Protein backbone atom coordinates (compact mmCIF):
# COMPACT_ATOMS: atom_id res chain seq x y z
CA UNK A 1 46.78 -2.03 -212.45
CA UNK A 2 46.51 1.78 -211.75
CA UNK A 3 43.53 2.52 -209.56
CA UNK A 4 40.63 4.21 -210.73
CA UNK A 5 37.66 3.97 -208.73
CA UNK A 6 37.53 6.45 -205.60
CA UNK A 7 35.79 3.42 -202.76
CA UNK A 8 35.52 5.89 -199.76
CA UNK A 9 33.84 8.75 -201.77
CA UNK A 10 31.62 5.92 -203.24
CA UNK A 11 30.68 4.71 -199.70
CA UNK A 12 30.24 7.88 -198.24
CA UNK A 13 28.41 9.50 -201.41
CA UNK A 14 26.22 6.11 -202.48
CA UNK A 15 24.84 5.64 -198.03
CA UNK A 16 23.83 9.23 -197.89
CA UNK A 17 21.66 8.80 -201.56
CA UNK A 18 20.15 5.83 -200.11
CA UNK A 19 19.10 7.93 -196.98
CA UNK A 20 17.58 10.68 -199.16
CA UNK A 21 16.18 8.16 -201.28
CA UNK A 22 14.28 6.65 -198.23
CA UNK A 23 13.41 10.53 -197.88
CA UNK A 24 11.88 11.05 -200.80
CA UNK A 25 9.88 7.52 -200.26
CA UNK A 26 8.21 9.03 -197.17
CA UNK A 27 7.57 5.51 -195.93
CA UNK A 28 9.51 2.13 -196.36
CA UNK A 29 11.86 1.44 -198.73
CA UNK A 30 12.28 -1.82 -200.67
CA UNK A 31 15.65 -1.66 -202.72
CA UNK A 32 16.26 -4.02 -205.25
CA UNK A 33 20.26 -4.78 -205.15
CA UNK A 34 21.20 -5.91 -208.58
CA UNK A 35 24.46 -7.53 -208.24
CA UNK A 36 26.43 -9.47 -206.37
CA UNK A 37 26.53 -7.54 -202.32
CA UNK A 38 29.31 -9.87 -201.52
CA UNK A 39 32.84 -11.21 -203.30
CA UNK A 40 31.61 -8.54 -206.65
CA UNK A 41 34.73 -9.53 -208.84
CA UNK A 42 33.71 -8.13 -211.46
CA UNK A 43 33.19 -4.81 -210.39
CA UNK A 44 36.74 -4.48 -208.86
CA UNK A 45 38.11 -6.07 -212.17
CA UNK A 46 36.57 -3.11 -214.31
CA UNK A 47 36.92 -0.19 -211.60
CA UNK A 48 40.18 -0.73 -210.21
CA UNK A 49 40.05 0.60 -206.72
CA UNK A 50 36.50 -0.59 -205.57
CA UNK A 51 37.04 -4.12 -203.50
CA UNK A 52 35.13 -6.92 -204.32
CA UNK A 53 33.17 -5.98 -200.34
CA UNK A 54 32.49 -2.19 -201.06
CA UNK A 55 28.69 -2.59 -201.65
CA UNK A 56 28.52 -4.68 -198.29
CA UNK A 57 31.58 -1.68 -196.74
CA UNK A 58 28.95 0.79 -198.34
CA UNK A 59 26.03 -0.46 -196.25
CA UNK A 60 27.82 -0.98 -192.70
CA UNK A 61 27.06 2.90 -193.29
CA UNK A 62 23.52 2.06 -192.82
CA UNK A 63 23.43 -1.51 -190.54
CA UNK A 64 21.44 0.02 -187.61
CA UNK A 65 18.62 0.94 -190.15
CA UNK A 66 18.60 -2.11 -192.36
CA UNK A 67 17.74 -5.09 -192.58
CA UNK A 68 18.46 -7.75 -195.69
CA UNK A 69 16.22 -9.57 -196.99
CA UNK A 70 17.68 -12.94 -199.31
CA UNK A 71 15.63 -14.49 -201.87
CA UNK A 72 16.16 -17.47 -204.02
CA UNK A 73 14.46 -18.80 -206.79
CA UNK A 74 13.10 -22.31 -206.55
CA UNK A 75 13.94 -22.96 -210.45
CA UNK A 76 17.46 -22.31 -209.55
CA UNK A 77 17.20 -24.98 -206.30
CA UNK A 78 15.82 -27.25 -208.90
CA UNK A 79 18.53 -26.97 -211.86
CA UNK A 80 21.22 -26.73 -208.91
CA UNK A 81 22.27 -23.69 -210.41
CA UNK A 82 26.42 -22.68 -209.82
CA UNK A 83 27.58 -19.72 -208.75
CA UNK A 84 30.83 -20.07 -211.44
CA UNK A 85 33.18 -17.69 -210.07
CA UNK A 86 33.16 -19.55 -206.42
CA UNK A 87 32.16 -23.24 -207.88
CA UNK A 88 29.23 -23.27 -205.81
CA UNK A 89 25.34 -24.08 -205.73
CA UNK A 90 23.03 -21.46 -205.18
CA UNK A 91 21.63 -22.71 -202.27
CA UNK A 92 25.27 -23.25 -200.77
CA UNK A 93 25.94 -19.66 -201.56
CA UNK A 94 22.68 -18.13 -199.96
CA UNK A 95 23.21 -19.63 -196.31
CA UNK A 96 27.16 -18.31 -197.13
CA UNK A 97 25.33 -15.10 -197.82
CA UNK A 98 23.32 -15.14 -194.39
CA UNK A 99 26.53 -16.14 -192.87
CA UNK A 100 28.27 -13.45 -193.81
CA UNK A 101 25.63 -10.72 -193.51
CA UNK A 102 25.35 -11.76 -189.70
CA UNK A 103 28.66 -11.89 -189.06
CA UNK A 104 28.94 -7.88 -190.07
CA UNK A 105 26.13 -7.13 -187.77
CA UNK A 106 23.61 -6.64 -190.43
CA UNK A 107 20.36 -8.32 -189.20
CA UNK A 108 18.72 -11.23 -191.54
CA UNK A 109 15.67 -13.26 -190.12
CA UNK A 110 13.86 -14.04 -193.26
CA UNK A 111 14.85 -15.70 -196.78
CA UNK A 112 11.86 -15.79 -199.10
CA UNK A 113 11.59 -19.07 -202.41
CA UNK A 114 10.24 -17.23 -205.13
CA UNK A 115 8.26 -18.70 -207.94
CA UNK A 116 7.37 -21.79 -205.32
CA UNK A 117 5.37 -24.89 -206.37
CA UNK A 118 4.29 -27.89 -204.20
CA UNK A 119 5.89 -29.88 -206.88
CA UNK A 120 9.09 -28.83 -206.77
CA UNK A 121 11.02 -31.69 -204.19
CA UNK A 122 14.11 -29.45 -203.80
CA UNK A 123 12.41 -25.83 -203.26
CA UNK A 124 10.43 -27.74 -200.58
CA UNK A 125 13.54 -29.71 -199.54
CA UNK A 126 15.35 -26.66 -198.62
CA UNK A 127 11.99 -24.84 -197.47
CA UNK A 128 12.44 -27.06 -194.63
CA UNK A 129 16.56 -27.04 -194.42
CA UNK A 130 16.01 -22.89 -193.87
CA UNK A 131 13.74 -23.38 -191.19
CA UNK A 132 15.20 -26.54 -188.94
CA UNK A 133 18.15 -23.75 -189.04
CA UNK A 134 16.24 -20.63 -187.68
CA UNK A 135 15.56 -18.64 -190.58
CA UNK A 136 11.74 -17.37 -191.18
CA UNK A 137 10.81 -19.06 -194.85
CA UNK A 138 8.28 -17.37 -197.23
CA UNK A 139 6.57 -18.55 -200.60
CA UNK A 140 6.30 -16.63 -203.11
CA UNK A 141 4.64 -18.48 -206.27
CA UNK A 142 4.25 -18.54 -209.33
CA UNK A 143 1.96 -15.90 -210.77
CA UNK A 144 0.22 -16.66 -214.06
CA UNK A 145 0.46 -14.13 -216.68
CA UNK A 146 3.38 -12.26 -215.28
CA UNK A 147 4.49 -9.74 -216.02
CA UNK A 148 2.09 -8.91 -217.73
CA UNK A 149 -1.27 -9.61 -216.83
CA UNK A 150 -1.12 -6.58 -214.45
CA UNK A 151 -4.80 -6.91 -212.96
CA UNK A 152 -3.99 -10.58 -211.98
CA UNK A 153 -0.31 -9.73 -210.49
CA UNK A 154 -1.83 -6.87 -208.72
CA UNK A 155 -4.98 -8.76 -206.83
CA UNK A 156 -5.42 -11.12 -204.30
CA UNK A 157 -4.72 -13.84 -206.89
CA UNK A 158 -1.18 -12.71 -207.41
CA UNK A 159 0.89 -11.05 -204.98
CA UNK A 160 -2.06 -11.61 -202.27
CA UNK A 161 -1.12 -15.21 -202.35
CA UNK A 162 2.42 -14.28 -201.54
CA UNK A 163 3.71 -15.45 -197.78
CA UNK A 164 3.84 -11.54 -195.92
CA UNK A 165 7.70 -10.99 -194.57
CA UNK A 166 7.18 -9.07 -191.71
CA UNK A 167 10.59 -7.16 -191.73
CA UNK A 168 11.08 -4.91 -189.14
CA UNK A 169 13.22 -2.00 -190.09
CA UNK A 170 12.62 0.93 -192.95
CA UNK A 171 14.84 0.13 -195.06
CA UNK A 172 14.75 -3.62 -196.19
CA UNK A 173 17.71 -4.80 -198.91
CA UNK A 174 16.04 -7.49 -200.97
CA UNK A 175 19.42 -9.40 -202.48
CA UNK A 176 19.61 -13.12 -203.90
CA UNK A 177 22.64 -15.42 -204.97
CA UNK A 178 22.51 -14.18 -208.32
CA UNK A 179 20.16 -13.06 -211.29
CA UNK A 180 16.66 -14.44 -212.22
CA UNK A 181 16.02 -15.32 -208.56
CA UNK A 182 12.94 -12.63 -208.24
CA UNK A 183 14.56 -9.96 -206.75
CA UNK A 184 11.96 -7.74 -208.59
CA UNK A 185 8.57 -9.45 -207.54
CA UNK A 186 9.48 -9.63 -203.76
CA UNK A 187 9.64 -6.42 -204.02
CA UNK A 188 6.62 -5.47 -205.60
CA UNK A 189 4.89 -8.45 -203.76
CA UNK A 190 6.04 -6.80 -200.38
CA UNK A 191 5.02 -2.95 -201.22
CA UNK A 192 1.91 -4.65 -202.36
CA UNK A 193 0.98 -6.77 -199.15
CA UNK A 194 2.68 -3.08 -196.76
CA UNK A 195 -0.19 -0.81 -198.55
CA UNK A 196 -2.93 -3.87 -198.19
CA UNK A 197 -2.25 -3.26 -194.16
CA UNK A 198 -2.06 0.46 -194.29
CA UNK A 199 1.84 0.89 -194.15
CA UNK A 200 3.59 2.91 -197.03
CA UNK A 201 6.29 1.98 -198.88
CA UNK A 202 7.94 2.26 -201.87
CA UNK A 203 10.23 0.57 -204.22
CA UNK A 204 13.48 1.66 -205.80
CA UNK A 205 16.69 -0.40 -207.63
CA UNK A 206 21.00 -0.59 -207.27
CA UNK A 207 21.80 -1.53 -210.10
CA UNK A 208 26.22 -1.18 -210.30
CA UNK A 209 25.97 -1.36 -214.11
CA UNK A 210 25.21 -0.25 -216.91
CA UNK A 211 26.46 2.38 -215.32
CA UNK A 212 23.15 4.97 -215.97
CA UNK A 213 25.74 8.22 -216.41
CA UNK A 214 28.62 6.76 -218.53
CA UNK A 215 28.83 6.59 -222.30
CA UNK A 216 26.52 4.00 -224.01
CA UNK A 217 30.03 2.25 -225.56
CA UNK A 218 32.23 3.06 -222.41
CA UNK A 219 34.08 0.49 -222.05
CA UNK A 220 32.93 -0.51 -218.28
CA UNK A 221 29.55 -0.63 -220.23
CA UNK A 222 30.45 -3.25 -222.20
CA UNK A 223 32.40 -5.03 -219.70
CA UNK A 224 29.22 -5.59 -218.27
CA UNK A 225 27.42 -6.44 -221.88
CA UNK A 226 30.29 -9.05 -222.29
CA UNK A 227 29.82 -10.32 -218.77
CA UNK A 228 25.96 -11.37 -219.68
CA UNK A 229 25.69 -12.30 -223.43
CA UNK A 230 24.13 -15.44 -221.71
CA UNK A 231 21.33 -12.88 -220.21
CA UNK A 232 20.84 -10.96 -223.77
CA UNK A 233 21.25 -8.12 -221.94
CA UNK A 234 22.04 -5.10 -224.27
CA UNK A 235 23.50 -1.31 -223.03
CA UNK A 236 20.55 0.65 -224.54
CA UNK A 237 20.18 4.26 -223.79
CA UNK A 238 17.10 4.99 -221.78
CA UNK A 239 14.37 6.78 -223.72
CA UNK A 240 12.04 7.07 -220.86
CA UNK A 241 14.40 9.35 -219.49
CA UNK A 242 15.50 11.80 -222.25
CA UNK A 243 11.73 12.37 -223.31
CA UNK A 244 11.12 13.71 -219.53
CA UNK A 245 14.16 15.02 -219.06
CA UNK A 246 15.51 15.29 -222.15
CA UNK A 247 19.08 13.88 -220.97
CA UNK A 248 20.39 10.97 -222.22
CA UNK A 249 21.48 8.11 -219.83
CA UNK A 250 22.48 3.99 -220.07
CA UNK A 251 20.28 1.31 -218.96
CA UNK A 252 20.13 -2.01 -219.93
CA UNK A 253 16.66 -3.32 -222.54
CA UNK A 254 15.04 -5.62 -220.33
CA UNK A 255 14.77 -2.68 -217.20
CA UNK A 256 13.83 0.10 -220.40
CA UNK A 257 11.42 -2.83 -221.54
CA UNK A 258 9.73 -3.52 -218.84
CA UNK A 259 9.44 -0.22 -217.59
CA UNK A 260 5.51 0.16 -218.41
CA UNK A 261 4.48 -2.74 -216.85
CA UNK A 262 6.18 -2.10 -214.08
CA UNK A 263 5.42 1.68 -213.85
CA UNK A 264 1.76 0.25 -214.25
CA UNK A 265 1.66 -2.05 -211.31
CA UNK A 266 3.72 0.52 -208.94
CA UNK A 267 0.68 2.91 -209.64
CA UNK A 268 -1.35 0.01 -209.47
CA UNK A 269 0.09 -0.95 -205.95
CA UNK A 270 0.78 2.91 -204.36
CA UNK A 271 -1.74 4.39 -205.79
CA UNK A 272 1.29 7.27 -207.98
CA UNK A 273 4.69 6.57 -209.43
CA UNK A 274 7.65 8.85 -208.13
CA UNK A 275 9.58 7.30 -211.21
CA UNK A 276 9.19 8.75 -215.03
CA UNK A 277 12.21 6.15 -216.09
CA UNK A 278 14.08 3.38 -215.09
CA UNK A 279 16.56 5.79 -214.36
CA UNK A 280 14.53 7.08 -211.87
CA UNK A 281 14.89 4.47 -210.02
CA UNK A 282 17.86 3.66 -209.52
CA UNK A 283 20.67 4.98 -206.78
CA UNK A 284 23.97 4.28 -208.18
CA UNK A 285 26.23 6.84 -207.64
CA UNK A 286 29.70 4.73 -208.94
CA UNK A 287 29.67 6.95 -211.88
CA UNK A 288 31.01 9.80 -209.72
CA UNK A 289 33.67 7.95 -207.91
CA UNK A 290 35.67 7.44 -211.20
CA UNK A 291 38.69 8.96 -210.15
CA UNK A 292 41.07 8.17 -213.49
CA UNK A 293 38.68 7.05 -216.35
CA UNK A 294 41.86 6.01 -218.50
CA UNK A 295 42.25 3.26 -216.01
CA UNK A 296 39.13 1.94 -215.83
CA UNK A 297 38.91 1.77 -219.52
CA UNK A 298 42.08 -0.24 -219.84
CA UNK A 299 40.98 -2.14 -217.12
CA UNK A 300 37.14 -3.19 -218.50
CA UNK A 301 38.86 -3.91 -221.95
CA UNK A 302 41.03 -6.61 -220.39
CA UNK A 303 37.75 -8.07 -218.68
CA UNK A 304 35.79 -8.19 -222.24
CA UNK A 305 39.26 -10.06 -223.70
CA UNK A 306 38.91 -12.65 -220.57
CA UNK A 307 34.96 -12.42 -221.17
CA UNK A 308 35.53 -13.63 -225.21
CA UNK A 309 37.59 -16.06 -224.35
CA UNK A 310 35.37 -17.85 -221.30
CA UNK A 311 32.81 -17.88 -224.33
CA UNK A 312 35.27 -19.88 -226.39
CA UNK A 313 36.03 -22.27 -223.32
CA UNK A 314 32.40 -22.82 -222.58
CA UNK A 315 31.10 -23.55 -226.46
CA UNK A 316 34.35 -26.04 -226.68
CA UNK A 317 33.51 -27.76 -223.26
CA UNK A 318 29.98 -28.05 -224.24
CA UNK A 319 30.95 -29.94 -227.56
CA UNK A 320 28.30 -28.62 -229.70
CA UNK A 321 29.12 -25.89 -232.89
CA UNK A 322 27.03 -22.84 -231.43
CA UNK A 323 28.62 -20.04 -231.36
CA UNK A 324 26.07 -17.59 -230.59
CA UNK A 325 28.24 -16.22 -227.03
CA UNK A 326 31.51 -16.16 -228.48
CA UNK A 327 30.11 -14.24 -231.91
CA UNK A 328 28.00 -11.81 -228.79
CA UNK A 329 31.43 -11.34 -227.24
CA UNK A 330 33.78 -11.01 -230.24
CA UNK A 331 31.02 -7.89 -231.12
CA UNK A 332 32.11 -6.31 -228.12
CA UNK A 333 35.46 -6.46 -228.40
CA UNK A 334 35.05 -4.62 -231.94
CA UNK A 335 32.78 -2.13 -230.13
CA UNK A 336 36.13 -1.71 -227.70
CA UNK A 337 38.05 -1.68 -230.45
CA UNK A 338 40.68 -4.97 -228.80
CA UNK A 339 41.53 -7.52 -229.80
CA UNK A 340 42.82 -10.85 -228.02
CA UNK A 341 46.53 -9.14 -228.95
CA UNK A 342 46.03 -6.91 -225.88
CA UNK A 343 45.83 -9.57 -223.09
CA UNK A 344 49.69 -8.89 -223.00
CA UNK A 345 49.87 -13.12 -221.75
CA UNK A 346 48.43 -14.57 -224.69
CA UNK A 347 51.69 -13.86 -227.12
CA UNK A 348 53.82 -15.59 -225.15
CA UNK A 349 52.37 -18.85 -223.58
CA UNK A 350 51.48 -19.36 -228.11
CA UNK A 351 55.02 -19.01 -228.08
CA UNK A 352 55.57 -21.82 -225.58
CA UNK A 353 53.92 -24.50 -226.91
CA UNK A 354 54.92 -23.15 -230.70
CA UNK A 355 58.49 -23.70 -229.55
CA UNK A 356 57.84 -27.17 -227.65
CA UNK A 357 55.39 -28.33 -228.86
CA UNK A 358 53.21 -29.21 -225.64
CA UNK A 359 51.00 -26.81 -223.52
CA UNK A 360 52.31 -23.20 -221.87
CA UNK A 361 51.35 -21.05 -219.98
CA UNK A 362 52.36 -17.57 -218.92
CA UNK A 363 51.39 -14.84 -216.37
CA UNK A 364 51.94 -11.36 -215.68
CA UNK A 365 53.13 -10.28 -212.35
CA UNK A 366 52.16 -6.74 -211.33
CA UNK A 367 55.27 -5.24 -212.12
CA UNK A 368 54.87 -5.71 -215.74
CA UNK A 369 57.11 -9.31 -215.16
CA UNK A 370 55.75 -12.34 -217.58
CA UNK A 371 56.14 -15.44 -216.43
CA UNK A 372 55.84 -18.17 -218.12
CA UNK A 373 55.72 -22.65 -217.67
CA UNK A 374 56.64 -24.84 -220.12
CA UNK A 375 55.12 -28.57 -219.61
CA UNK A 376 58.04 -30.49 -218.45
CA UNK A 377 57.87 -34.75 -217.34
CA UNK A 378 57.57 -33.77 -213.84
CA UNK A 379 55.53 -30.54 -214.10
CA UNK A 380 52.38 -29.16 -215.94
CA UNK A 381 52.49 -25.45 -217.60
CA UNK A 382 50.66 -23.95 -214.76
CA UNK A 383 52.44 -25.46 -212.06
CA UNK A 384 55.63 -24.43 -213.73
CA UNK A 385 54.53 -21.25 -214.35
CA UNK A 386 53.19 -20.79 -210.94
CA UNK A 387 57.31 -21.72 -208.97
CA UNK A 388 58.68 -19.65 -211.47
CA UNK A 389 56.42 -16.52 -210.94
CA UNK A 390 57.12 -17.35 -207.24
CA UNK A 391 60.62 -17.72 -207.56
CA UNK A 392 61.09 -14.48 -209.20
CA UNK A 393 59.01 -12.42 -206.78
CA UNK A 394 61.03 -13.73 -204.15
CA UNK A 395 64.12 -12.94 -205.72
CA UNK A 396 65.19 -16.52 -205.75
CA UNK A 397 67.63 -17.79 -209.21
CA UNK A 398 65.17 -19.75 -211.99
CA UNK A 399 67.74 -22.16 -211.70
CA UNK A 400 67.45 -23.07 -208.61
CA UNK A 401 65.36 -26.34 -207.93
CA UNK A 402 62.93 -25.12 -205.40
CA UNK A 403 61.53 -28.98 -205.29
CA UNK A 404 63.97 -31.24 -206.41
CA UNK A 405 62.81 -34.36 -208.44
CA UNK A 406 63.75 -36.33 -205.72
CA UNK A 407 60.91 -34.68 -203.41
CA UNK A 408 58.35 -34.67 -206.97
CA UNK A 409 59.17 -38.93 -207.28
CA UNK A 410 56.97 -39.83 -204.86
CA UNK A 411 54.46 -37.82 -205.51
CA UNK A 412 54.01 -39.33 -208.97
CA UNK A 413 54.23 -42.76 -207.80
CA UNK A 414 51.43 -42.37 -205.35
CA UNK A 415 49.11 -40.53 -208.66
CA UNK A 416 50.33 -42.98 -211.35
CA UNK A 417 50.50 -46.53 -208.79
CA UNK A 418 47.89 -46.09 -205.89
CA UNK A 419 45.53 -43.45 -206.62
CA UNK A 420 45.19 -44.43 -210.51
CA UNK A 421 46.04 -41.47 -212.19
CA UNK A 422 47.98 -41.64 -215.92
CA UNK A 423 49.21 -37.93 -216.04
CA UNK A 424 52.43 -37.92 -213.47
CA UNK A 425 53.03 -34.50 -213.74
CA UNK A 426 51.89 -32.33 -210.93
CA UNK A 427 49.00 -30.52 -210.91
CA UNK A 428 49.67 -26.35 -209.39
CA UNK A 429 47.61 -27.53 -205.74
CA UNK A 430 50.12 -30.65 -205.31
CA UNK A 431 52.71 -28.39 -206.24
CA UNK A 432 52.44 -25.76 -203.41
CA UNK A 433 51.75 -29.20 -201.32
CA UNK A 434 55.05 -30.37 -202.12
CA UNK A 435 56.50 -26.31 -201.26
CA UNK A 436 54.83 -26.34 -198.33
CA UNK A 437 56.23 -30.25 -197.51
CA UNK A 438 59.70 -28.15 -197.98
CA UNK A 439 59.61 -25.13 -196.09
CA UNK A 440 59.75 -26.66 -192.85
CA UNK A 441 63.88 -27.30 -194.15
CA UNK A 442 64.00 -24.84 -196.53
CA UNK A 443 64.32 -20.92 -196.37
CA UNK A 444 63.98 -20.46 -200.39
CA UNK A 445 60.51 -22.46 -199.83
CA UNK A 446 59.68 -20.54 -197.02
CA UNK A 447 60.41 -16.99 -198.94
CA UNK A 448 58.28 -18.47 -202.20
CA UNK A 449 55.38 -19.37 -200.08
CA UNK A 450 55.10 -15.84 -198.27
CA UNK A 451 54.99 -14.41 -201.96
CA UNK A 452 51.48 -16.42 -202.99
CA UNK A 453 49.76 -13.31 -201.47
CA UNK A 454 51.38 -10.96 -204.06
CA UNK A 455 50.12 -13.55 -207.44
CA UNK A 456 46.08 -11.94 -206.87
CA UNK A 457 44.49 -9.93 -209.85
CA UNK A 458 47.73 -11.50 -212.06
CA UNK A 459 46.84 -12.21 -215.53
CA UNK A 460 46.98 -15.81 -216.69
CA UNK A 461 46.54 -17.82 -220.39
CA UNK A 462 47.30 -21.49 -220.78
CA UNK A 463 47.18 -22.54 -223.99
CA UNK A 464 44.76 -25.42 -223.20
CA UNK A 465 41.91 -25.45 -220.89
CA UNK A 466 42.56 -26.10 -217.41
CA UNK A 467 40.64 -29.00 -215.83
CA UNK A 468 39.41 -28.48 -212.47
CA UNK A 469 42.13 -28.45 -210.04
CA UNK A 470 43.72 -25.97 -211.21
CA UNK A 471 41.04 -23.63 -211.71
CA UNK A 472 39.98 -24.41 -208.68
CA UNK A 473 43.79 -23.27 -207.25
CA UNK A 474 43.99 -19.74 -209.80
CA UNK A 475 40.11 -19.12 -208.74
CA UNK A 476 41.28 -19.59 -204.76
CA UNK A 477 44.02 -16.75 -205.95
CA UNK A 478 42.15 -14.69 -207.34
CA UNK A 479 44.14 -14.64 -210.54
CA UNK A 480 42.69 -13.70 -213.78
CA UNK A 481 42.78 -16.85 -216.87
CA UNK A 482 41.74 -17.55 -219.40
CA UNK A 483 42.51 -20.79 -222.11
CA UNK A 484 43.30 -21.42 -225.53
CA UNK A 485 39.73 -23.22 -226.18
CA UNK A 486 40.96 -26.76 -226.86
CA UNK A 487 42.34 -29.71 -225.12
CA UNK A 488 45.42 -30.64 -225.09
CA UNK A 489 44.50 -34.18 -225.58
CA UNK A 490 41.08 -35.59 -227.23
CA UNK A 491 38.71 -37.70 -225.23
CA UNK A 492 35.66 -38.76 -224.26
CA UNK A 493 36.11 -38.65 -220.62
CA UNK A 494 38.07 -36.19 -218.69
CA UNK A 495 38.28 -37.24 -214.82
CA UNK A 496 39.37 -33.85 -212.50
């Protein structure tokens, strides 16, 4: 993939802009971090050159001046909400993030649990767990009438009830495992309580997408819409900014709709409002760091198609006839003037299924080569495709058996006769384990294993919905997988 984003320019420009905004505020700045601070895989996919940890690398320029304040929603704890891209729950991801921040030398001492209620057993238990781990836990409560009842919100019975976080640095980055965690309310509550204590404090927002200074229907911004179809987010022109400054900028509907209330709350809390629009509140410099617009457009089109397939698969898994999300994703594809035919791995995978009458898979390597896999008595299509890709990258003859039938059959016997599996074919994880064992005696197997690192970022398409094992392996290898929205066999119960 061609690079389209200047990472080093972004790190420099973004850190400088945050420092400037703190100077404009003239006191303590609570900076709401929209999106993911770590592992921002969406940004890395649509802005080639933006590594998943670019934002945290940018904040490292300010490490000695800031502290990080994570928050998590009590309702997400109760629902046991899972971060889809990593497959772990929000509570575990919060702990993972804190460890990662501390390993990089950031100050993290406090955690806020938002929308806390004593009847929420999961939130109470998690608060106790955090306390036992040595963190300072602060409860922010449900405020009746939030966000419309400004009189109640900005009062001792609203923000005033929340447990104050006594931060020690003048730049406080508020982050969370995912959207809807209460970052904005945490920031405003803290700003309110700081002012009650005679400390000047302000608020700003760092939201990467949509990119405010790109056109409304630029593929990068459309890819953000596709990524948030379950949240009903829609990119819109910020009419407040257009009216105040005569400049057309892009924001998303929830921020624009909420701006009058947010402006009212900020004015009530601080006595003044430095912002005339949602765009004014932001500090995002990503748009200035796009070095190749065509590369970012192409990458974003692929992301839009992937999101369409994800919506289709999610609907198929749910077993309902509701096609709301895939319909929305289809509309976004139409806006981007693309279709599934623009995803290079789709047609080859479907061709394998049509030819063999059984599931197929296809992968596009970084040099553009398409590698396929078919269903055999020994291997599933994903496992076969993976082996073929490693052979190609290592320069090994495709006809050479890296894994002999004699090596595979004992694994099949173990699965079917002792572990209760009805499927004798090897999954991708079993193939990789067998390949690792073979590498002890086989130079070819060692060479093939060494090529695993070169699969990151490769596109894959399968003609059936993947099981959790194969999905997990592809996710661990950082490969971009789509699937046709169907199972190979109809059955009510599916064992991972």
